[in-house]
């Protein structure tokens, strides 16, 4: 089992910045991929950014150049630095971990943190 605890959400004006944190209960090197997803009201949950155990990153086109995913292995924490925020970035942001258990991957979710960008 992997427990994930997000923090760092809040209210920010358009153009501002926020940093989200996701603390994992296990070593993040034991997790194949960690990522951030978001879900706006009335919309499906969508991928924002991912980082693999090897350090490779990937981003949704809508956040490229504005968001950055990183990790601190000593603290088993993954971060999402969000800059130049737009109203359309408003959503609940969820941390996800995908861990290999020998026969397949299992996914885990955090409880989510609200990000609200005022225009």
Protein backbone atom coordinates (compact mmCIF):
# COMPACT_ATOMS: atom_id res chain seq x y z
CA UNK A 1 0.00 0.00 0.00
CA UNK A 2 1.08 3.55 -0.72
CA UNK A 3 -0.40 6.53 1.10
CA UNK A 4 -0.16 9.90 -0.59
CA UNK A 5 -0.76 13.23 1.11
CA UNK A 6 -1.06 16.39 -1.00
CA UNK A 7 -0.64 19.93 0.21
CA UNK A 8 -0.06 23.40 -1.15
CA UNK A 9 -3.30 24.21 -2.88
CA UNK A 10 -5.12 27.49 -2.43
CA UNK A 11 -6.43 30.63 -4.05
CA UNK A 12 -4.15 32.61 -6.33
CA UNK A 13 -4.60 35.37 -8.88
CA UNK A 14 -4.10 34.73 -12.55
CA UNK A 15 -0.42 34.98 -13.43
CA UNK A 16 0.62 33.83 -9.98
CA UNK A 17 2.39 30.70 -8.78
CA UNK A 18 1.77 27.80 -6.43
CA UNK A 19 3.75 24.74 -5.45
CA UNK A 20 1.97 21.50 -4.68
CA UNK A 21 3.58 18.75 -2.62
CA UNK A 22 2.81 15.04 -2.49
CA UNK A 23 4.37 13.05 0.34
CA UNK A 24 4.51 9.28 -0.16
CA UNK A 25 4.58 6.69 2.62
CA UNK A 26 7.23 4.63 0.80
CA UNK A 27 10.45 5.37 -1.03
CA UNK A 28 9.57 7.09 -4.29
CA UNK A 29 12.28 5.05 -5.99
CA UNK A 30 10.08 1.99 -5.40
CA UNK A 31 7.29 3.66 -7.36
CA UNK A 32 7.42 3.31 -11.14
CA UNK A 33 5.67 6.55 -11.95
CA UNK A 34 4.32 9.41 -9.88
CA UNK A 35 2.09 12.01 -11.35
CA UNK A 36 -0.29 14.87 -10.90
CA UNK A 37 -3.80 14.84 -12.30
CA UNK A 38 -6.55 17.41 -12.06
CA UNK A 39 -10.30 17.45 -12.25
CA UNK A 40 -12.33 20.57 -12.87
CA UNK A 41 -16.07 20.70 -12.10
CA UNK A 42 -18.05 18.82 -14.71
CA UNK A 43 -14.93 17.52 -16.44
CA UNK A 44 -13.02 14.28 -16.47
CA UNK A 45 -9.81 13.85 -14.52
CA UNK A 46 -6.85 14.63 -16.74
CA UNK A 47 -3.14 14.06 -16.60
CA UNK A 48 -1.02 17.10 -15.78
CA UNK A 49 2.53 15.78 -15.34
CA UNK A 50 4.42 12.60 -14.52
CA UNK A 51 7.88 11.64 -13.32
CA UNK A 52 9.31 8.14 -13.47
CA UNK A 53 11.62 6.44 -11.00
CA UNK A 54 14.37 7.12 -13.52
CA UNK A 55 13.60 10.82 -13.53
CA UNK A 56 11.92 11.15 -16.91
CA UNK A 57 9.15 13.73 -17.01
CA UNK A 58 6.14 14.33 -19.20
CA UNK A 59 3.56 17.10 -19.34
CA UNK A 60 0.16 17.82 -20.76
CA UNK A 61 0.39 20.27 -23.66
CA UNK A 62 -1.74 22.75 -21.75
CA UNK A 63 0.85 23.14 -18.98
CA UNK A 64 4.14 22.78 -20.85
CA UNK A 65 6.45 25.66 -20.12
CA UNK A 66 4.38 26.73 -17.09
CA UNK A 67 4.43 23.72 -14.76
CA UNK A 68 7.37 21.68 -13.54
CA UNK A 69 7.35 18.33 -11.74
CA UNK A 70 10.25 17.39 -9.51
CA UNK A 71 11.06 15.16 -6.57
CA UNK A 72 13.01 15.03 -3.34
CA UNK A 73 13.94 11.41 -2.75
CA UNK A 74 15.22 12.07 0.77
CA UNK A 75 11.75 13.24 1.76
CA UNK A 76 9.81 10.87 -0.54
CA UNK A 77 8.04 13.89 -1.93
CA UNK A 78 7.05 14.95 -5.42
CA UNK A 79 6.35 18.57 -6.25
CA UNK A 80 4.39 20.41 -8.90
CA UNK A 81 5.59 23.97 -9.40
CA UNK A 82 2.89 25.92 -11.19
CA UNK A 83 3.60 29.32 -12.70
CA UNK A 84 1.72 31.74 -14.95
CA UNK A 85 -1.50 30.26 -13.64
CA UNK A 86 -4.68 30.73 -15.61
CA UNK A 87 -8.33 30.55 -14.62
CA UNK A 88 -8.60 27.30 -16.57
CA UNK A 89 -6.07 25.72 -14.22
CA UNK A 90 -8.70 25.80 -11.49
CA UNK A 91 -9.34 22.23 -10.38
CA UNK A 92 -8.79 19.68 -7.66
CA UNK A 93 -5.28 18.35 -8.10
CA UNK A 94 -4.59 14.72 -7.25
CA UNK A 95 -1.31 12.93 -6.73
CA UNK A 96 -1.01 9.45 -8.21
CA UNK A 97 1.48 6.65 -7.73
CA UNK A 98 1.82 3.61 -9.95
CA UNK A 99 3.74 0.78 -8.31
CA UNK A 100 4.83 -2.55 -9.73
CA UNK A 101 3.95 -5.56 -7.61
CA UNK A 102 5.40 -8.40 -9.68
CA UNK A 103 2.22 -9.39 -11.48
CA UNK A 104 1.14 -5.92 -12.48
CA UNK A 105 0.84 -2.27 -11.56
CA UNK A 106 -1.34 -0.91 -8.81
CA UNK A 107 -2.38 2.71 -8.65
CA UNK A 108 -2.87 4.86 -5.60
CA UNK A 109 -4.44 8.30 -5.20
CA UNK A 110 -4.16 11.09 -2.71
CA UNK A 111 -7.16 12.94 -1.34
CA UNK A 112 -6.72 15.94 -3.62
CA UNK A 113 -5.99 19.60 -3.06
CA UNK A 114 -8.03 22.48 -4.45
CA UNK A 115 -6.38 25.07 -6.67
CA UNK A 116 -8.44 28.12 -7.53
CA UNK A 117 -7.15 30.77 -9.92
CA UNK A 118 -9.06 34.02 -9.94
CA UNK A 119 -9.11 36.08 -13.12
